[in-house]
């Protein structure tokens, strides 16, 4: 099935480094995390401001997915602190479903590599599952379809029957419909044609600008993501090798090359 190309808004101007100047929606300090007590992420500092798109880059195995999973509470941290909207998160050294649920209630949404859809449910039913609990405010469906117009014609179709591009749009839409304060997106482009990626990235830029959500985006299409991101972190062997604006990193191709080819 051919992936439909979403009608994306024109890319907005990046919010810039000032987005984190006051109260970041996410502040990670000295984070160490890993599996079975063995750290694969070491002493990571990372911030995301409201309305800011932050690219988290690095070669396979650099620790990007582990960092996102730890922020979401799905992997226990081994050291350091995580604050969401000024409040400490994940004080325990083990994963608890209640903690993950509470963090979601506080406005953290995570789109994993596998998209996390319920394939036996329709697109509309998947979207309903993303709506906030009683008392929360959902993004109107009209606005969701303005960002992802290709979904309108497949709302009654089971998610498992959608194309890869439609599934990714649905996963993003389900995360956004709950009006998150912080959106974590892991490998959005996985399995997608480059033209779809080119059109979805500006949509994420628009969502950040229009809703004020902070977005962390793990993405292998480095050149594309740096055109919509405000800032970037480059991980190498679980440590931060670069922290600065996206424009600065675009101007340092040798650093990107060393980060992805495994130098030091």
Protein backbone atom coordinates (compact mmCIF):
# COMPACT_ATOMS: atom_id res chain seq x y z
CA UNK A 1 0.00 0.00 0.00
CA UNK A 2 1.39 3.41 -0.90
CA UNK A 3 1.90 5.85 1.95
CA UNK A 4 -0.14 9.01 1.47
CA UNK A 5 1.79 12.21 1.85
CA UNK A 6 0.37 14.40 4.63
CA UNK A 7 -0.34 18.01 3.84
CA UNK A 8 2.16 19.58 6.17
CA UNK A 9 2.23 23.20 7.24
CA UNK A 10 5.27 25.17 6.18
CA UNK A 11 8.14 24.83 8.69
CA UNK A 12 7.98 27.41 11.44
CA UNK A 13 11.00 29.32 12.57
CA UNK A 14 12.73 27.48 15.43
CA UNK A 15 12.01 28.82 18.88
CA UNK A 16 15.72 29.07 19.62
CA UNK A 17 17.80 28.50 22.71
CA UNK A 18 15.69 30.96 24.73
CA UNK A 19 12.97 28.29 24.95
CA UNK A 20 14.72 26.74 27.94
CA UNK A 21 15.79 29.98 29.57
CA UNK A 22 13.10 29.96 32.29
CA UNK A 23 11.36 26.76 33.38
CA UNK A 24 12.05 23.78 31.12
CA UNK A 25 9.38 21.12 30.73
CA UNK A 26 12.17 18.57 31.10
CA UNK A 27 15.45 18.80 33.01
CA UNK A 28 17.72 15.76 33.12
CA UNK A 29 20.89 16.04 35.17
CA UNK A 30 23.67 13.51 35.56
CA UNK A 31 21.50 10.68 34.26
CA UNK A 32 22.89 7.16 34.25
CA UNK A 33 20.66 4.34 33.07
CA UNK A 34 20.82 0.86 31.64
CA UNK A 35 19.80 -2.73 32.09
CA UNK A 36 20.42 -5.27 34.86
CA UNK A 37 22.34 -2.65 36.79
CA UNK A 38 24.79 -1.99 33.95
CA UNK A 39 24.79 1.58 32.65
CA UNK A 40 24.68 2.28 28.93
CA UNK A 41 23.90 5.98 29.44
CA UNK A 42 26.38 7.95 31.52
CA UNK A 43 26.08 11.35 33.21
CA UNK A 44 23.68 12.84 30.64
CA UNK A 45 22.44 16.41 31.06
CA UNK A 46 19.50 17.40 28.84
CA UNK A 47 16.81 20.07 28.87
CA UNK A 48 13.73 20.75 26.76
CA UNK A 49 11.77 23.98 26.84
CA UNK A 50 8.11 24.58 26.10
CA UNK A 51 7.51 24.80 22.36
CA UNK A 52 11.00 23.54 21.59
CA UNK A 53 12.05 20.68 19.31
CA UNK A 54 15.22 18.96 20.51
CA UNK A 55 16.99 16.37 18.36
CA UNK A 56 18.67 13.48 20.16
CA UNK A 57 21.18 12.04 17.72
CA UNK A 58 23.85 9.36 17.61
CA UNK A 59 24.80 6.04 16.09
CA UNK A 60 22.93 2.82 16.81
CA UNK A 61 23.74 1.78 20.38
CA UNK A 62 24.64 5.30 21.50
CA UNK A 63 21.92 5.28 24.20
CA UNK A 64 19.18 7.35 22.57
CA UNK A 65 16.30 4.90 23.05
CA UNK A 66 17.47 4.06 26.56
CA UNK A 67 17.42 7.76 27.42
CA UNK A 68 13.83 8.14 26.23
CA UNK A 69 12.69 4.97 27.98
CA UNK A 70 14.26 6.17 31.22
CA UNK A 71 12.58 9.57 30.99
CA UNK A 72 9.26 7.74 30.50
CA UNK A 73 9.95 5.51 33.50
CA UNK A 74 10.10 2.30 31.48
CA UNK A 75 13.78 1.74 32.27
CA UNK A 76 15.04 2.42 35.81
CA UNK A 77 17.59 5.14 36.26
CA UNK A 78 20.84 4.24 37.99
CA UNK A 79 21.78 7.78 38.94
CA UNK A 80 20.99 11.43 38.41
CA UNK A 81 17.71 13.32 38.43
CA UNK A 82 14.76 13.79 36.08
CA UNK A 83 12.36 16.71 36.50
CA UNK A 84 9.18 17.16 34.49
CA UNK A 85 7.59 20.60 34.70
CA UNK A 86 9.68 21.34 37.77
CA UNK A 87 8.70 18.19 39.68
CA UNK A 88 11.00 15.26 40.37
CA UNK A 89 10.20 12.02 38.57
CA UNK A 90 11.33 8.42 39.00
CA UNK A 91 12.85 8.68 42.46
CA UNK A 92 12.75 4.89 42.79
CA UNK A 93 15.38 2.65 41.26
CA UNK A 94 12.84 0.26 39.79
CA UNK A 95 10.05 0.43 37.25
CA UNK A 96 6.52 0.78 38.63
CA UNK A 97 3.42 0.94 36.47
CA UNK A 98 1.90 3.47 38.88
CA UNK A 99 4.85 5.83 38.37
CA UNK A 100 4.62 5.56 34.58
CA UNK A 101 0.88 6.24 34.75
CA UNK A 102 1.39 9.27 37.00
CA UNK A 103 3.98 10.69 34.62
CA UNK A 104 1.52 10.29 31.74
CA UNK A 105 -1.07 12.14 33.83
CA UNK A 106 1.48 14.96 34.20
CA UNK A 107 1.71 15.33 30.45
CA UNK A 108 4.42 13.01 29.13
CA UNK A 109 3.60 11.13 25.92
CA UNK A 110 5.93 8.61 24.27
CA UNK A 111 5.80 7.32 20.69
CA UNK A 112 8.08 4.25 20.70
CA UNK A 113 9.96 2.72 17.79
CA UNK A 114 7.23 0.12 17.26
CA UNK A 115 4.52 2.87 17.39
CA UNK A 116 2.59 1.08 20.15
CA UNK A 117 -0.70 0.88 18.30
CA UNK A 118 -3.53 -1.56 18.96
CA UNK A 119 -3.71 -3.23 15.56
CA UNK A 120 -7.12 -4.86 16.11
CA UNK A 121 -8.74 -1.51 16.91
CA UNK A 122 -9.71 1.09 14.35
CA UNK A 123 -7.79 4.33 13.94
CA UNK A 124 -10.65 6.19 15.65
CA UNK A 125 -10.59 3.77 18.59
CA UNK A 126 -6.83 4.20 18.94
CA UNK A 127 -7.33 7.96 19.04
CA UNK A 128 -9.97 7.64 21.75
CA UNK A 129 -7.49 5.71 23.88
CA UNK A 130 -5.16 8.70 23.70
CA UNK A 131 -7.69 11.12 25.14
CA UNK A 132 -6.86 12.33 28.65
CA UNK A 133 -8.59 11.02 31.74
CA UNK A 134 -11.63 12.74 33.16
CA UNK A 135 -10.90 16.42 33.72
CA UNK A 136 -8.21 16.60 31.05
CA UNK A 137 -8.43 18.58 27.83
CA UNK A 138 -8.16 16.79 24.50
CA UNK A 139 -7.09 18.36 21.24
CA UNK A 140 -10.21 18.56 19.01
CA UNK A 141 -10.37 15.95 16.28
CA UNK A 142 -10.60 18.70 13.65
CA UNK A 143 -7.21 19.99 14.73
CA UNK A 144 -5.72 16.49 14.73
CA UNK A 145 -6.94 16.00 11.16
CA UNK A 146 -5.56 19.39 10.18
CA UNK A 147 -2.12 18.15 11.22
CA UNK A 148 -2.62 14.65 9.80
CA UNK A 149 -5.25 14.98 7.02
CA UNK A 150 -4.48 11.52 5.60
CA UNK A 151 -6.08 9.97 8.70
CA UNK A 152 -9.55 11.28 7.92
CA UNK A 153 -10.31 8.62 5.32
CA UNK A 154 -8.99 5.73 7.46
CA UNK A 155 -10.63 6.45 10.83
CA UNK A 156 -12.88 3.40 10.49
CA UNK A 157 -10.06 1.11 9.34
CA UNK A 158 -8.19 -1.21 11.71
CA UNK A 159 -4.73 0.08 12.56
CA UNK A 160 -3.15 -3.20 11.46
CA UNK A 161 -4.41 -2.61 7.92
CA UNK A 162 -2.91 0.87 7.58
CA UNK A 163 0.24 1.60 5.63
CA UNK A 164 3.43 2.37 7.51
CA UNK A 165 3.01 6.09 7.00
CA UNK A 166 -0.60 6.02 8.17
CA UNK A 167 0.40 4.02 11.25
CA UNK A 168 3.08 6.54 12.16
CA UNK A 169 0.66 9.44 11.71
CA UNK A 170 -1.84 7.61 13.92
CA UNK A 171 0.77 6.98 16.61
CA UNK A 172 1.75 10.66 16.63
CA UNK A 173 -1.88 11.78 16.57
CA UNK A 174 -2.78 9.51 19.49
CA UNK A 175 0.09 10.96 21.52
CA UNK A 176 -0.78 14.55 20.66
CA UNK A 177 -4.54 14.31 21.23
CA UNK A 178 -3.95 14.22 24.98
CA UNK A 179 -2.28 17.68 24.90
CA UNK A 180 1.11 16.53 26.25
CA UNK A 181 3.56 18.96 27.79
CA UNK A 182 6.44 16.71 26.72
CA UNK A 183 6.41 14.46 23.65
CA UNK A 184 9.09 11.80 23.13
CA UNK A 185 9.32 10.42 19.58
CA UNK A 186 11.67 7.51 18.89
CA UNK A 187 12.74 6.86 15.28
CA UNK A 188 9.70 8.38 13.60
CA UNK A 189 11.13 7.60 10.16
CA UNK A 190 11.58 3.87 10.75
CA UNK A 191 10.31 2.04 7.66
CA UNK A 192 9.02 5.18 5.97
CA UNK A 193 9.84 6.63 2.59
CA UNK A 194 12.05 9.75 2.83
CA UNK A 195 9.34 11.93 1.27
CA UNK A 196 6.95 11.06 4.13
CA UNK A 197 9.65 11.95 6.68
CA UNK A 198 10.24 15.27 4.94
CA UNK A 199 6.56 16.11 5.35
CA UNK A 200 6.03 14.80 8.88
CA UNK A 201 8.95 16.65 10.47
CA UNK A 202 7.46 20.11 9.79
CA UNK A 203 4.19 18.85 11.29
CA UNK A 204 6.00 18.13 14.55
CA UNK A 205 7.58 21.57 14.35
CA UNK A 206 4.11 23.10 14.00
CA UNK A 207 2.71 21.04 16.89
CA UNK A 208 5.48 22.30 19.19
CA UNK A 209 4.95 25.90 18.10
CA UNK A 210 1.16 25.85 18.22
CA UNK A 211 0.65 23.85 21.44
CA UNK A 212 3.74 24.75 23.46
CA UNK A 213 4.69 21.10 23.88
CA UNK A 214 8.38 20.32 24.21
CA UNK A 215 9.47 17.56 21.84
CA UNK A 216 12.49 15.22 21.93
CA UNK A 217 13.01 13.56 18.59
CA UNK A 218 15.32 10.60 18.00
CA UNK A 219 15.91 10.47 14.27
CA UNK A 220 18.41 8.95 11.84
CA UNK A 221 17.62 11.44 9.06
CA UNK A 222 20.07 13.90 10.61
CA UNK A 223 20.06 16.53 7.88
CA UNK A 224 16.27 16.71 7.85
CA UNK A 225 15.74 16.83 11.60
CA UNK A 226 18.31 19.58 12.05
CA UNK A 227 16.26 21.82 9.75
CA UNK A 228 13.28 21.79 12.15
CA UNK A 229 14.99 21.36 15.53
CA UNK A 230 15.96 24.23 17.81
CA UNK A 231 18.76 22.40 19.60
CA UNK A 232 20.53 19.06 19.37
CA UNK A 233 22.36 16.59 21.56
CA UNK A 234 24.77 14.11 20.03
CA UNK A 235 25.35 10.95 22.05
CA UNK A 236 28.48 8.84 21.62
CA UNK A 237 28.84 5.64 23.63
CA UNK A 238 26.21 6.81 26.08
CA UNK A 239 27.72 10.23 26.76
CA UNK A 240 26.90 13.69 25.44
CA UNK A 241 29.45 14.58 22.75
CA UNK A 242 27.68 17.77 21.65
CA UNK A 243 25.09 20.09 23.19
CA UNK A 244 24.14 23.19 21.23
CA UNK A 245 21.88 24.67 18.61
CA UNK A 246 20.87 22.71 15.55
CA UNK A 247 22.49 25.37 13.38
CA UNK A 248 25.81 24.89 15.20
CA UNK A 249 25.72 21.15 14.66
CA UNK A 250 24.85 21.56 10.98
CA UNK A 251 28.01 23.60 10.68
CA UNK A 252 30.19 20.87 12.22
CA UNK A 253 29.97 17.93 9.81
CA UNK A 254 33.19 16.46 11.19
CA UNK A 255 31.55 16.06 14.60
CA UNK A 256 28.54 14.33 13.09
CA UNK A 257 30.84 12.06 11.11
CA UNK A 258 32.81 11.06 14.20
CA UNK A 259 29.61 10.55 16.18
CA UNK A 260 28.09 8.21 13.62
CA UNK A 261 31.22 6.40 12.48
CA UNK A 262 32.30 5.61 16.02
CA UNK A 263 35.44 7.67 16.47
CA UNK A 264 36.45 7.86 20.13
